[in-house]
PDB file of all heavy atoms in Angstrom:
ATOM      1  N   SER A   1      94.028  77.346 136.892  1.00  0.00           N
ATOM      2  CA  SER A   1      93.062  76.518 136.109  1.00  0.00           C
ATOM      3  C   SER A   1      93.748  75.536 135.173  1.00  0.00           C
ATOM      4  O   SER A   1      94.840  75.858 134.675  1.00  0.00           O
ATOM      5  CB  SER A   1      92.034  77.370 135.385  1.00  0.00           C
ATOM      6  OG  SER A   1      92.758  78.333 134.457  1.00  0.00           O
ATOM      7  N   GLN A   2      93.120  74.416 134.910  1.00  0.00           N
ATOM      8  CA  GLN A   2      93.705  73.413 134.031  1.00  0.00           C
ATOM      9  C   GLN A   2      93.395  73.656 132.614  1.00  0.00           C
ATOM     10  O   GLN A   2      94.192  73.311 131.762  1.00  0.00           O
ATOM     11  CB  GLN A   2      93.248  72.070 134.496  1.00  0.00           C
ATOM     12  CG  GLN A   2      93.849  70.965 133.866  1.00  0.00           C
ATOM     13  CD  GLN A   2      93.368  69.535 134.370  1.00  0.00           C
ATOM     14  OE1 GLN A   2      92.210  69.402 134.792  1.00  0.00           O
ATOM     15  NE2 GLN A   2      94.150  68.548 134.415  1.00  0.00           N
ATOM     16  N   TRP A   3      92.231  74.210 132.334  1.00  0.00           N
ATOM     17  CA  TRP A   3      91.797  74.449 130.941  1.00  0.00           C
ATOM     18  C   TRP A   3      90.971  75.692 130.931  1.00  0.00           C
ATOM     19  O   TRP A   3      90.284  76.024 131.811  1.00  0.00           O
ATOM     20  CB  TRP A   3      91.000  73.207 130.520  1.00  0.00           C
ATOM     21  CG  TRP A   3      90.561  73.218 129.035  1.00  0.00           C
ATOM     22  CD1 TRP A   3      89.365  73.559 128.540  1.00  0.00           C
ATOM     23  CD2 TRP A   3      91.286  72.924 127.955  1.00  0.00           C
ATOM     24  NE1 TRP A   3      89.264  73.450 127.207  1.00  0.00           N
ATOM     25  CE2 TRP A   3      90.634  73.104 126.767  1.00  0.00           C
ATOM     26  CE3 TRP A   3      92.750  72.471 127.777  1.00  0.00           C
ATOM     27  CZ2 TRP A   3      91.104  72.810 125.510  1.00  0.00           C
ATOM     28  CZ3 TRP A   3      93.062  72.238 126.661  1.00  0.00           C
ATOM     29  CH2 TRP A   3      92.339  72.454 125.434  1.00  0.00           C
ATOM     30  N   VAL A   4      91.237  76.440 129.765  1.00  0.00           N
ATOM     31  CA  VAL A   4      90.363  77.654 129.712  1.00  0.00           C
ATOM     32  C   VAL A   4      89.886  77.768 128.251  1.00  0.00           C
ATOM     33  O   VAL A   4      90.544  77.380 127.238  1.00  0.00           O
ATOM     34  CB  VAL A   4      91.389  78.949 129.836  1.00  0.00           C
ATOM     35  CG1 VAL A   4      90.650  80.147 129.616  1.00  0.00           C
ATOM     36  CG2 VAL A   4      92.042  78.982 131.218  1.00  0.00           C
ATOM     37  N   SER A   5      88.659  78.079 128.174  1.00  0.00           N
ATOM     38  CA  SER A   5      88.022  78.195 126.674  1.00  0.00           C
ATOM     39  C   SER A   5      87.255  79.437 126.602  1.00  0.00           C
ATOM     40  O   SER A   5      86.632  79.927 127.655  1.00  0.00           O
ATOM     41  CB  SER A   5      87.249  76.972 126.456  1.00  0.00           C
ATOM     42  OG  SER A   5      86.172  76.794 127.327  1.00  0.00           O
ATOM     43  N   THR A   6      87.366  80.211 125.488  1.00  0.00           N
ATOM     44  CA  THR A   6      86.523  81.281 125.138  1.00  0.00           C
ATOM     45  C   THR A   6      85.900  80.999 123.807  1.00  0.00           C
ATOM     46  O   THR A   6      86.159  79.947 123.218  1.00  0.00           O
ATOM     47  CB  THR A   6      87.371  82.533 125.021  1.00  0.00           C
ATOM     48  OG1 THR A   6      88.296  82.457 124.001  1.00  0.00           O
ATOM     49  CG2 THR A   6      88.186  82.821 126.338  1.00  0.00           C
ATOM     50  N   ASP A   7      85.228  81.974 123.222  1.00  0.00           N
ATOM     51  CA  ASP A   7      84.658  81.949 121.857  1.00  0.00           C
ATOM     52  C   ASP A   7      85.834  81.751 120.868  1.00  0.00           C
ATOM     53  O   ASP A   7      85.664  81.215 119.745  1.00  0.00           O
ATOM     54  CB  ASP A   7      83.871  83.109 121.546  1.00  0.00           C
ATOM     55  CG  ASP A   7      82.633  83.243 122.322  1.00  0.00           C
ATOM     56  OD1 ASP A   7      82.222  82.207 122.935  1.00  0.00           O
ATOM     57  OD2 ASP A   7      82.090  84.272 122.480  1.00  0.00           O
ATOM     58  N   HIS A   8      86.983  82.240 121.227  1.00  0.00           N
ATOM     59  CA  HIS A   8      88.074  82.315 120.193  1.00  0.00           C
ATOM     60  C   HIS A   8      89.113  81.384 120.324  1.00  0.00           C
ATOM     61  O   HIS A   8      90.123  81.308 119.461  1.00  0.00           O
ATOM     62  CB  HIS A   8      88.646  83.709 120.171  1.00  0.00           C
ATOM     63  CG  HIS A   8      87.539  84.833 119.827  1.00  0.00           C
ATOM     64  ND1 HIS A   8      86.870  84.793 118.628  1.00  0.00           N
ATOM     65  CD2 HIS A   8      86.970  85.746 120.608  1.00  0.00           C
ATOM     66  CE1 HIS A   8      86.034  85.780 118.718  1.00  0.00           C
ATOM     67  NE2 HIS A   8      86.033  86.382 119.874  1.00  0.00           N
ATOM     68  N   ARG A   9      89.299  80.801 121.543  1.00  0.00           N
ATOM     69  CA  ARG A   9      90.484  79.811 121.849  1.00  0.00           C
ATOM     70  C   ARG A   9      90.212  78.936 122.923  1.00  0.00           C
ATOM     71  O   ARG A   9      89.229  79.090 123.777  1.00  0.00           O
ATOM     72  CB  ARG A   9      91.749  80.648 122.175  1.00  0.00           C
ATOM     73  CG  ARG A   9      91.679  81.335 123.526  1.00  0.00           C
ATOM     74  CD  ARG A   9      93.070  81.874 123.797  1.00  0.00           C
ATOM     75  NE  ARG A   9      93.244  82.196 125.209  1.00  0.00           N
ATOM     76  CZ  ARG A   9      93.590  81.630 126.281  1.00  0.00           C
ATOM     77  NH1 ARG A   9      93.697  80.341 126.217  1.00  0.00           N
ATOM     78  NH2 ARG A   9      93.732  82.215 127.447  1.00  0.00           N
ATOM     79  N   ALA A  10      91.035  77.912 123.108  1.00  0.00           N
ATOM     80  CA  ALA A  10      90.952  76.937 124.146  1.00  0.00           C
ATOM     81  C   ALA A  10      92.311  76.545 124.473  1.00  0.00           C
ATOM     82  O   ALA A  10      93.318  76.574 123.623  1.00  0.00           O
ATOM     83  CB  ALA A  10      90.140  75.709 123.860  1.00  0.00           C
ATOM     84  N   GLY A  11      92.586  76.400 125.729  1.00  0.00           N
ATOM     85  CA  GLY A  11      94.077  75.974 126.104  1.00  0.00           C
ATOM     86  C   GLY A  11      94.163  76.346 127.617  1.00  0.00           C
ATOM     87  O   GLY A  11      93.239  76.301 128.405  1.00  0.00           O
ATOM     88  N   GLY A  12      95.385  76.812 127.880  1.00  0.00           N
ATOM     89  CA  GLY A  12      95.790  77.113 129.306  1.00  0.00           C
ATOM     90  C   GLY A  12      96.112  78.516 129.475  1.00  0.00           C
ATOM     91  O   GLY A  12      96.136  79.272 128.451  1.00  0.00           O
ATOM     92  N   GLY A  13      96.392  78.993 130.542  1.00  0.00           N
ATOM     93  CA  GLY A  13      96.849  80.256 130.890  1.00  0.00           C
ATOM     94  C   GLY A  13      95.689  81.318 131.013  1.00  0.00           C
ATOM     95  O   GLY A  13      94.457  81.074 130.636  1.00  0.00           O
ATOM     96  N   PRO A  14      95.972  82.495 131.403  1.00  0.00           N
ATOM     97  CA  PRO A  14      94.895  83.597 131.545  1.00  0.00           C
ATOM     98  C   PRO A  14      94.352  84.011 130.233  1.00  0.00           C
ATOM     99  O   PRO A  14      95.114  83.926 129.146  1.00  0.00           O
ATOM    100  CB  PRO A  14      95.715  84.810 132.240  1.00  0.00           C
ATOM    101  CG  PRO A  14      97.001  84.429 131.991  1.00  0.00           C
ATOM    102  CD  PRO A  14      97.267  82.970 131.860  1.00  0.00           C
ATOM    103  N   VAL A  15      93.238  84.589 130.228  1.00  0.00           N
ATOM    104  CA  VAL A  15      92.709  85.222 129.000  1.00  0.00           C
ATOM    105  C   VAL A  15      93.098  86.601 128.915  1.00  0.00           C
ATOM    106  O   VAL A  15      92.800  87.438 129.891  1.00  0.00           O
ATOM    107  CB  VAL A  15      91.028  85.108 129.044  1.00  0.00           C
ATOM    108  CG1 VAL A  15      90.428  85.811 127.882  1.00  0.00           C
ATOM    109  CG2 VAL A  15      90.633  83.673 129.119  1.00  0.00           C
ATOM    110  N   ARG A  16      93.871  87.023 127.927  1.00  0.00           N
ATOM    111  CA  ARG A  16      94.452  88.326 127.840  1.00  0.00           C
ATOM    112  C   ARG A  16      93.446  89.487 127.738  1.00  0.00           C
ATOM    113  O   ARG A  16      93.482  90.486 128.322  1.00  0.00           O
ATOM    114  CB  ARG A  16      95.470  88.333 126.747  1.00  0.00           C
ATOM    115  CG  ARG A  16      96.680  87.546 126.938  1.00  0.00           C
ATOM    116  CD  ARG A  16      97.469  88.054 128.131  1.00  0.00           C
ATOM    117  NE  ARG A  16      98.592  87.045 128.451  1.00  0.00           N
ATOM    118  CZ  ARG A  16      98.959  86.845 129.665  1.00  0.00           C
ATOM    119  NH1 ARG A  16      98.519  87.530 130.657  1.00  0.00           N
ATOM    120  NH2 ARG A  16      99.829  85.932 129.880  1.00  0.00           N
ATOM    121  N   VAL A  17      92.448  89.239 126.828  1.00  0.00           N
ATOM    122  CA  VAL A  17      91.363  90.224 126.618  1.00  0.00           C
ATOM    123  C   VAL A  17      90.005  89.524 126.545  1.00  0.00           C
ATOM    124  O   VAL A  17      89.909  88.504 125.752  1.00  0.00           O
ATOM    125  CB  VAL A  17      91.560  90.969 125.293  1.00  0.00           C
ATOM    126  CG1 VAL A  17      90.397  92.019 125.061  1.00  0.00           C
ATOM    127  CG2 VAL A  17      92.847  91.680 125.295  1.00  0.00           C
ATOM    128  N   LEU A  18      89.096  89.968 127.434  1.00  0.00           N
ATOM    129  CA  LEU A  18      87.659  89.304 127.367  1.00  0.00           C
ATOM    130  C   LEU A  18      86.801  90.522 127.123  1.00  0.00           C
ATOM    131  O   LEU A  18      86.510  91.425 127.814  1.00  0.00           O
ATOM    132  CB  LEU A  18      87.420  88.832 128.729  1.00  0.00           C
ATOM    133  CG  LEU A  18      85.915  88.086 128.862  1.00  0.00           C
ATOM    134  CD1 LEU A  18      85.988  86.894 127.748  1.00  0.00           C
ATOM    135  CD2 LEU A  18      85.692  87.622 130.214  1.00  0.00           C
ATOM    136  N   SER A  19      86.370  90.528 125.736  1.00  0.00           N
ATOM    137  CA  SER A  19      85.616  91.588 125.162  1.00  0.00           C
ATOM    138  C   SER A  19      84.303  91.710 125.930  1.00  0.00           C
ATOM    139  O   SER A  19      83.849  90.686 126.544  1.00  0.00           O
ATOM    140  CB  SER A  19      85.354  91.488 123.703  1.00  0.00           C
ATOM    141  OG  SER A  19      86.668  91.389 123.115  1.00  0.00           O
ATOM    142  N   ARG A  20      83.532  92.880 125.650  1.00  0.00           N
ATOM    143  CA  ARG A  20      82.292  93.018 126.308  1.00  0.00           C
ATOM    144  C   ARG A  20      81.406  91.951 125.744  1.00  0.00           C
ATOM    145  O   ARG A  20      81.495  91.554 124.634  1.00  0.00           O
ATOM    146  CB  ARG A  20      81.711  94.452 126.090  1.00  0.00           C
ATOM    147  CG  ARG A  20      81.536  94.812 124.686  1.00  0.00           C
ATOM    148  CD  ARG A  20      81.205  96.344 124.589  1.00  0.00           C
ATOM    149  NE  ARG A  20      80.858  96.604 123.244  1.00  0.00           N
ATOM    150  CZ  ARG A  20      79.577  96.750 122.939  1.00  0.00           C
ATOM    151  NH1 ARG A  20      78.579  96.671 123.659  1.00  0.00           N
ATOM    152  NH2 ARG A  20      79.264  97.152 121.609  1.00  0.00           N
ATOM    153  N   THR A  21      80.518  91.543 126.584  1.00  0.00           N
ATOM    154  CA  THR A  21      79.365  90.483 126.258  1.00  0.00           C
ATOM    155  C   THR A  21      80.003  89.156 126.015  1.00  0.00           C
ATOM    156  O   THR A  21      79.318  88.244 125.434  1.00  0.00           O
ATOM    157  CB  THR A  21      78.454  90.919 125.130  1.00  0.00           C
ATOM    158  OG1 THR A  21      79.155  90.834 123.860  1.00  0.00           O
ATOM    159  CG2 THR A  21      77.870  92.254 125.326  1.00  0.00           C
ATOM    160  N   ARG A  22      81.296  88.942 126.284  1.00  0.00           N
ATOM    161  CA  ARG A  22      81.850  87.601 126.034  1.00  0.00           C
ATOM    162  C   ARG A  22      82.069  86.879 127.333  1.00  0.00           C
ATOM    163  O   ARG A  22      82.148  87.438 128.318  1.00  0.00           O
ATOM    164  CB  ARG A  22      83.230  87.772 125.281  1.00  0.00           C
ATOM    165  CG  ARG A  22      83.124  88.483 123.986  1.00  0.00           C
ATOM    166  CD  ARG A  22      82.531  87.508 123.060  1.00  0.00           C
ATOM    167  NE  ARG A  22      82.573  88.208 121.603  1.00  0.00           N
ATOM    168  CZ  ARG A  22      81.846  87.868 120.686  1.00  0.00           C
ATOM    169  NH1 ARG A  22      81.166  86.766 120.737  1.00  0.00           N
ATOM    170  NH2 ARG A  22      81.909  88.432 119.556  1.00  0.00           N
ATOM    171  N   SER A  23      82.365  85.555 127.143  1.00  0.00           N
ATOM    172  CA  SER A  23      82.553  84.669 128.374  1.00  0.00           C
ATOM    173  C   SER A  23      83.794  83.884 128.220  1.00  0.00           C
ATOM    174  O   SER A  23      84.283  83.588 127.104  1.00  0.00           O
ATOM    175  CB  SER A  23      81.356  83.774 128.547  1.00  0.00           C
ATOM    176  OG  SER A  23      80.211  84.420 128.801  1.00  0.00           O
ATOM    177  N   ALA A  24      84.390  83.551 129.349  1.00  0.00           N
ATOM    178  CA  ALA A  24      85.472  82.575 129.296  1.00  0.00           C
ATOM    179  C   ALA A  24      85.226  81.492 130.433  1.00  0.00           C
ATOM    180  O   ALA A  24      84.644  81.859 131.548  1.00  0.00           O
ATOM    181  CB  ALA A  24      86.798  83.313 129.730  1.00  0.00           C
ATOM    182  N   THR A  25      85.437  80.229 130.127  1.00  0.00           N
ATOM    183  CA  THR A  25      85.324  79.146 131.007  1.00  0.00           C
ATOM    184  C   THR A  25      86.517  78.505 131.586  1.00  0.00           C
ATOM    185  O   THR A  25      87.536  78.297 130.790  1.00  0.00           O
ATOM    186  CB  THR A  25      84.394  78.092 130.416  1.00  0.00           C
ATOM    187  OG1 THR A  25      83.183  78.588 129.924  1.00  0.00           O
ATOM    188  CG2 THR A  25      84.152  76.928 131.413  1.00  0.00           C
ATOM    189  N   PHE A  26      86.723  78.448 132.959  1.00  0.00           N
ATOM    190  CA  PHE A  26      87.925  77.989 133.454  1.00  0.00           C
ATOM    191  C   PHE A  26      87.524  76.729 134.229  1.00  0.00           C
ATOM    192  O   PHE A  26      86.542  76.584 135.085  1.00  0.00           O
ATOM    193  CB  PHE A  26      88.490  79.050 134.525  1.00  0.00           C
ATOM    194  CG  PHE A  26      88.875  80.339 133.984  1.00  0.00           C
ATOM    195  CD1 PHE A  26      87.987  81.342 133.761  1.00  0.00           C
ATOM    196  CD2 PHE A  26      90.068  80.426 133.598  1.00  0.00           C
ATOM    197  CE1 PHE A  26      88.293  82.475 133.211  1.00  0.00           C
ATOM    198  CE2 PHE A  26      90.578  81.814 133.093  1.00  0.00           C
ATOM    199  CZ  PHE A  26      89.656  82.777 132.923  1.00  0.00           C
ATOM    200  N   ASP A  27      88.416  75.531 133.967  1.00  0.00           N
ATOM    201  CA  ASP A  27      88.189  74.273 134.514  1.00  0.00           C
ATOM    202  C   ASP A  27      89.359  74.191 135.612  1.00  0.00           C
ATOM    203  O   ASP A  27      90.427  74.297 135.353  1.00  0.00           O
ATOM    204  CB  ASP A  27      88.255  73.121 133.696  1.00  0.00           C
ATOM    205  CG  ASP A  27      87.232  73.181 132.507  1.00  0.00           C
ATOM    206  OD1 ASP A  27      86.376  74.100 132.511  1.00  0.00           O
ATOM    207  OD2 ASP A  27      87.426  72.412 131.567  1.00  0.00           O
ATOM    208  N   SER A  28      88.832  73.744 136.918  1.00  0.00           N
ATOM    209  CA  SER A  28      90.013  73.510 137.852  1.00  0.00           C
ATOM    210  C   SER A  28      90.501  72.165 137.582  1.00  0.00           C
ATOM    211  O   SER A  28      90.110  71.268 136.930  1.00  0.00           O
ATOM    212  CB  SER A  28      89.282  73.565 139.225  1.00  0.00           C
ATOM    213  OG  SER A  28      88.559  72.224 139.465  1.00  0.00           O
ATOM    214  N   PRO A  29      91.693  71.956 138.293  1.00  0.00           N
ATOM    215  CA  PRO A  29      92.279  70.635 138.200  1.00  0.00           C
ATOM    216  C   PRO A  29      91.335  69.671 138.929  1.00  0.00           C
ATOM    217  O   PRO A  29      90.541  70.148 139.754  1.00  0.00           O
ATOM    218  CB  PRO A  29      93.607  70.810 138.964  1.00  0.00           C
ATOM    219  CG  PRO A  29      93.807  72.283 139.069  1.00  0.00           C
ATOM    220  CD  PRO A  29      92.645  72.945 138.921  1.00  0.00           C
ATOM    221  N   ARG A  30      91.531  68.403 138.736  1.00  0.00           N
ATOM    222  CA  ARG A  30      90.752  67.437 139.466  1.00  0.00           C
ATOM    223  C   ARG A  30      91.256  67.495 140.979  1.00  0.00           C
ATOM    224  O   ARG A  30      92.381  67.504 141.199  1.00  0.00           O
ATOM    225  CB  ARG A  30      90.938  66.053 138.908  1.00  0.00           C
ATOM    226  CG  ARG A  30      90.479  65.829 137.532  1.00  0.00           C
ATOM    227  CD  ARG A  30      88.941  65.861 137.395  1.00  0.00           C
ATOM    228  NE  ARG A  30      88.518  65.789 136.122  1.00  0.00           N
ATOM    229  CZ  ARG A  30      87.242  65.722 135.767  1.00  0.00           C
ATOM    230  NH1 ARG A  30      86.349  65.829 136.597  1.00  0.00           N
ATOM    231  NH2 ARG A  30      86.903  65.765 134.514  1.00  0.00           N
ATOM    232  N   LEU A  31      90.326  67.529 141.803  1.00  0.00           N
ATOM    233  CA  LEU A  31      90.523  67.602 143.221  1.00  0.00           C
ATOM    234  C   LEU A  31      89.797  66.444 143.937  1.00  0.00           C
ATOM    235  O   LEU A  31      88.887  66.008 143.478  1.00  0.00           O
ATOM    236  CB  LEU A  31      89.964  68.971 143.758  1.00  0.00           C
ATOM    237  CG  LEU A  31      90.507  70.165 143.175  1.00  0.00           C
ATOM    238  CD1 LEU A  31      89.663  71.411 143.458  1.00  0.00           C
ATOM    239  CD2 LEU A  31      91.890  70.433 143.554  1.00  0.00           C
ATOM    240  N   GLU A  32      90.318  66.085 145.048  1.00  0.00           N
ATOM    241  CA  GLU A  32      89.673  65.153 145.970  1.00  0.00           C
ATOM    242  C   GLU A  32      88.382  65.787 146.293  1.00  0.00           C
ATOM    243  O   GLU A  32      88.316  67.067 146.670  1.00  0.00           O
ATOM    244  CB  GLU A  32      90.490  64.835 147.149  1.00  0.00           C
ATOM    245  CG  GLU A  32      91.790  64.110 146.756  1.00  0.00           C
ATOM    246  CD  GLU A  32      92.602  63.832 148.169  1.00  0.00           C
ATOM    247  OE1 GLU A  32      92.037  63.800 149.187  1.00  0.00           O
ATOM    248  OE2 GLU A  32      93.831  63.725 147.938  1.00  0.00           O
ATOM    249  N   PRO A  33      87.296  65.045 146.354  1.00  0.00           N
ATOM    250  CA  PRO A  33      85.972  65.538 146.733  1.00  0.00           C
ATOM    251  C   PRO A  33      86.034  66.336 148.063  1.00  0.00           C
ATOM    252  O   PRO A  33      85.310  67.289 148.158  1.00  0.00           O
ATOM    253  CB  PRO A  33      85.028  64.387 146.731  1.00  0.00           C
ATOM    254  CG  PRO A  33      85.679  63.407 145.690  1.00  0.00           C
ATOM    255  CD  PRO A  33      87.161  63.625 145.888  1.00  0.00           C
ATOM    256  N   ALA A  34      86.841  65.841 148.981  1.00  0.00           N
ATOM    257  CA  ALA A  34      86.807  66.475 150.237  1.00  0.00           C
ATOM    258  C   ALA A  34      87.418  68.008 150.251  1.00  0.00           C
ATOM    259  O   ALA A  34      87.206  68.801 150.991  1.00  0.00           O
ATOM    260  CB  ALA A  34      87.659  65.649 151.316  1.00  0.00           C
ATOM    261  N   ARG A  35      88.381  68.064 149.245  1.00  0.00           N
ATOM    262  CA  ARG A  35      89.101  69.335 149.042  1.00  0.00           C
ATOM    263  C   ARG A  35      88.303  70.280 148.168  1.00  0.00           C
ATOM    264  O   ARG A  35      88.600  71.610 148.042  1.00  0.00           O
ATOM    265  CB  ARG A  35      90.494  69.219 148.431  1.00  0.00           C
ATOM    266  CG  ARG A  35      91.465  68.688 149.350  1.00  0.00           C
ATOM    267  CD  ARG A  35      92.864  68.808 148.841  1.00  0.00           C
ATOM    268  NE  ARG A  35      93.098  70.343 148.519  1.00  0.00           N
ATOM    269  CZ  ARG A  35      93.856  70.726 147.418  1.00  0.00           C
ATOM    270  NH1 ARG A  35      94.335  69.756 146.828  1.00  0.00           N
ATOM    271  NH2 ARG A  35      93.984  71.886 147.239  1.00  0.00           N
ATOM    272  N   LEU A  36      87.286  69.996 147.469  1.00  0.00           N
ATOM    273  CA  LEU A  36      86.561  70.759 146.604  1.00  0.00           C
ATOM    274  C   LEU A  36      86.008  72.113 147.171  1.00  0.00           C
ATOM    275  O   LEU A  36      86.093  73.154 146.754  1.00  0.00           O
ATOM    276  CB  LEU A  36      85.391  69.998 145.869  1.00  0.00           C
ATOM    277  CG  LEU A  36      84.776  70.630 144.734  1.00  0.00           C
ATOM    278  CD1 LEU A  36      85.870  70.771 143.509  1.00  0.00           C
ATOM    279  CD2 LEU A  36      83.530  69.946 144.271  1.00  0.00           C
ATOM    280  N   THR A  37      85.322  71.895 148.440  1.00  0.00           N
ATOM    281  CA  THR A  37      84.728  72.966 149.056  1.00  0.00           C
ATOM    282  C   THR A  37      85.805  74.001 149.513  1.00  0.00           C
ATOM    283  O   THR A  37      85.576  75.229 149.483  1.00  0.00           O
ATOM    284  CB  THR A  37      83.907  72.524 150.342  1.00  0.00           C
ATOM    285  OG1 THR A  37      82.934  71.600 149.831  1.00  0.00           O
ATOM    286  CG2 THR A  37      83.298  73.637 150.967  1.00  0.00           C
ATOM    287  N   SER A  38      86.970  73.545 150.009  1.00  0.00           N
ATOM    288  CA  SER A  38      87.964  74.459 150.385  1.00  0.00           C
ATOM    289  C   SER A  38      88.814  75.099 149.214  1.00  0.00           C
ATOM    290  O   SER A  38      89.609  75.920 149.443  1.00  0.00           O
ATOM    291  CB  SER A  38      88.999  73.774 151.460  1.00  0.00           C
ATOM    292  OG  SER A  38      89.659  72.754 150.704  1.00  0.00           O
ATOM    293  N   SER A  39      88.474  74.693 148.081  1.00  0.00           N
ATOM    294  CA  SER A  39      89.197  75.162 146.923  1.00  0.00           C
ATOM    295  C   SER A  39      88.314  75.936 145.875  1.00  0.00           C
ATOM    296  O   SER A  39      88.313  75.891 144.742  1.00  0.00           O
ATOM    297  CB  SER A  39      89.862  73.981 146.089  1.00  0.00           C
ATOM    298  OG  SER A  39      90.638  73.255 146.922  1.00  0.00           O
ATOM    299  N   ARG A  40      87.411  76.800 146.514  1.00  0.00           N
ATOM    300  CA  ARG A  40      86.541  77.621 145.720  1.00  0.00           C
ATOM    301  C   ARG A  40      87.308  78.527 144.823  1.00  0.00           C
ATOM    302  O   ARG A  40      88.371  78.995 145.085  1.00  0.00           O
ATOM    303  CB  ARG A  40      85.640  78.422 146.580  1.00  0.00           C
ATOM    304  CG  ARG A  40      84.596  77.509 147.409  1.00  0.00           C
ATOM    305  CD  ARG A  40      83.488  78.253 147.899  1.00  0.00           C
ATOM    306  NE  ARG A  40      82.484  77.355 148.580  1.00  0.00           N
ATOM    307  CZ  ARG A  40      81.508  76.749 147.940  1.00  0.00           C
ATOM    308  NH1 ARG A  40      81.256  76.886 146.628  1.00  0.00           N
ATOM    309  NH2 ARG A  40      80.675  76.011 148.717  1.00  0.00           N
ATOM    310  N   PRO A  41      86.750  78.808 143.766  1.00  0.00           N
ATOM    311  CA  PRO A  41      87.390  79.651 142.685  1.00  0.00           C
ATOM    312  C   PRO A  41      87.639  81.131 143.126  1.00  0.00           C
ATOM    313  O   PRO A  41      86.798  81.681 143.804  1.00  0.00           O
ATOM    314  CB  PRO A  41      86.559  79.488 141.511  1.00  0.00           C
ATOM    315  CG  PRO A  41      85.274  79.061 141.959  1.00  0.00           C
ATOM    316  CD  PRO A  41      85.391  78.353 143.248  1.00  0.00           C
ATOM    317  N   ILE A  42      88.784  81.706 142.688  1.00  0.00           N
ATOM    318  CA  ILE A  42      89.046  83.072 142.825  1.00  0.00           C
ATOM    319  C   ILE A  42      89.486  83.497 141.476  1.00  0.00           C
ATOM    320  O   ILE A  42      90.404  83.025 140.923  1.00  0.00           O
ATOM    321  CB  ILE A  42      90.193  83.304 143.920  1.00  0.00           C
ATOM    322  CG1 ILE A  42      89.875  82.790 145.184  1.00  0.00           C
ATOM    323  CG2 ILE A  42      90.616  84.788 143.916  1.00  0.00           C
ATOM    324  CD1 ILE A  42      90.863  82.915 146.273  1.00  0.00           C
ATOM    325  N   VAL A  43      88.776  84.550 141.054  1.00  0.00           N
ATOM    326  CA  VAL A  43      88.995  85.123 139.655  1.00  0.00           C
ATOM    327  C   VAL A  43      89.586  86.442 139.794  1.00  0.00           C
ATOM    328  O   VAL A  43      89.188  87.244 140.676  1.00  0.00           O
ATOM    329  CB  VAL A  43      87.532  85.251 138.802  1.00  0.00           C
ATOM    330  CG1 VAL A  43      87.887  85.980 137.585  1.00  0.00           C
ATOM    331  CG2 VAL A  43      87.037  83.823 138.527  1.00  0.00           C
ATOM    332  N   ARG A  44      90.675  86.681 139.116  1.00  0.00           N
ATOM    333  CA  ARG A  44      91.335  87.991 139.014  1.00  0.00           C
ATOM    334  C   ARG A  44      91.316  88.508 137.651  1.00  0.00           C
ATOM    335  O   ARG A  44      91.447  87.912 136.658  1.00  0.00           O
ATOM    336  CB  ARG A  44      92.872  87.754 139.485  1.00  0.00           C
ATOM    337  CG  ARG A  44      93.035  87.467 141.078  1.00  0.00           C
ATOM    338  CD  ARG A  44      94.410  87.256 141.405  1.00  0.00           C
ATOM    339  NE  ARG A  44      94.425  86.911 142.792  1.00  0.00           N
ATOM    340  CZ  ARG A  44      94.271  85.739 143.242  1.00  0.00           C
ATOM    341  NH1 ARG A  44      94.214  84.685 142.345  1.00  0.00           N
ATOM    342  NH2 ARG A  44      94.405  85.457 144.571  1.00  0.00           N
ATOM    343  N   PHE A  45      91.253  89.871 137.539  1.00  0.00           N
ATOM    344  CA  PHE A  45      91.276  90.477 136.211  1.00  0.00           C
ATOM    345  C   PHE A  45      91.632  92.032 136.439  1.00  0.00           C
ATOM    346  O   PHE A  45      91.643  92.567 137.450  1.00  0.00           O
ATOM    347  CB  PHE A  45      89.909  90.356 135.558  1.00  0.00           C
ATOM    348  CG  PHE A  45      88.789  91.053 136.309  1.00  0.00           C
ATOM    349  CD1 PHE A  45      88.350  92.316 136.130  1.00  0.00           C
ATOM    350  CD2 PHE A  45      88.045  90.415 137.255  1.00  0.00           C
ATOM    351  CE1 PHE A  45      87.302  92.965 136.763  1.00  0.00           C
ATOM    352  CE2 PHE A  45      87.087  90.969 137.920  1.00  0.00           C
ATOM    353  CZ  PHE A  45      86.699  92.286 137.746  1.00  0.00           C
ATOM    354  N   ARG A  46      91.858  92.710 135.255  1.00  0.00           N
ATOM    355  CA  ARG A  46      92.228  94.146 135.305  1.00  0.00           C
ATOM    356  C   ARG A  46      91.173  94.745 134.457  1.00  0.00           C
ATOM    357  O   ARG A  46      90.732  94.295 133.323  1.00  0.00           O
ATOM    358  CB  ARG A  46      93.681  94.258 134.552  1.00  0.00           C
ATOM    359  CG  ARG A  46      94.017  95.727 134.581  1.00  0.00           C
ATOM    360  CD  ARG A  46      95.536  95.731 134.170  1.00  0.00           C
ATOM    361  NE  ARG A  46      95.747  94.917 132.941  1.00  0.00           N
ATOM    362  CZ  ARG A  46      95.750  95.427 131.598  1.00  0.00           C
ATOM    363  NH1 ARG A  46      95.345  96.623 131.461  1.00  0.00           N
ATOM    364  NH2 ARG A  46      96.156  94.647 130.699  1.00  0.00           N
TER     365      ARG A  46
END
């Protein structure tokens, strides 16, 4: 992801802790419109 934002921070890299009832938003890099469908998001977490 190119940009990540939560209630407590914004920037890059993974979100180390996502508390209960909280959200994080991940922005993809800009892609060619033709590649957008083949670049669907995959979220990983522990």
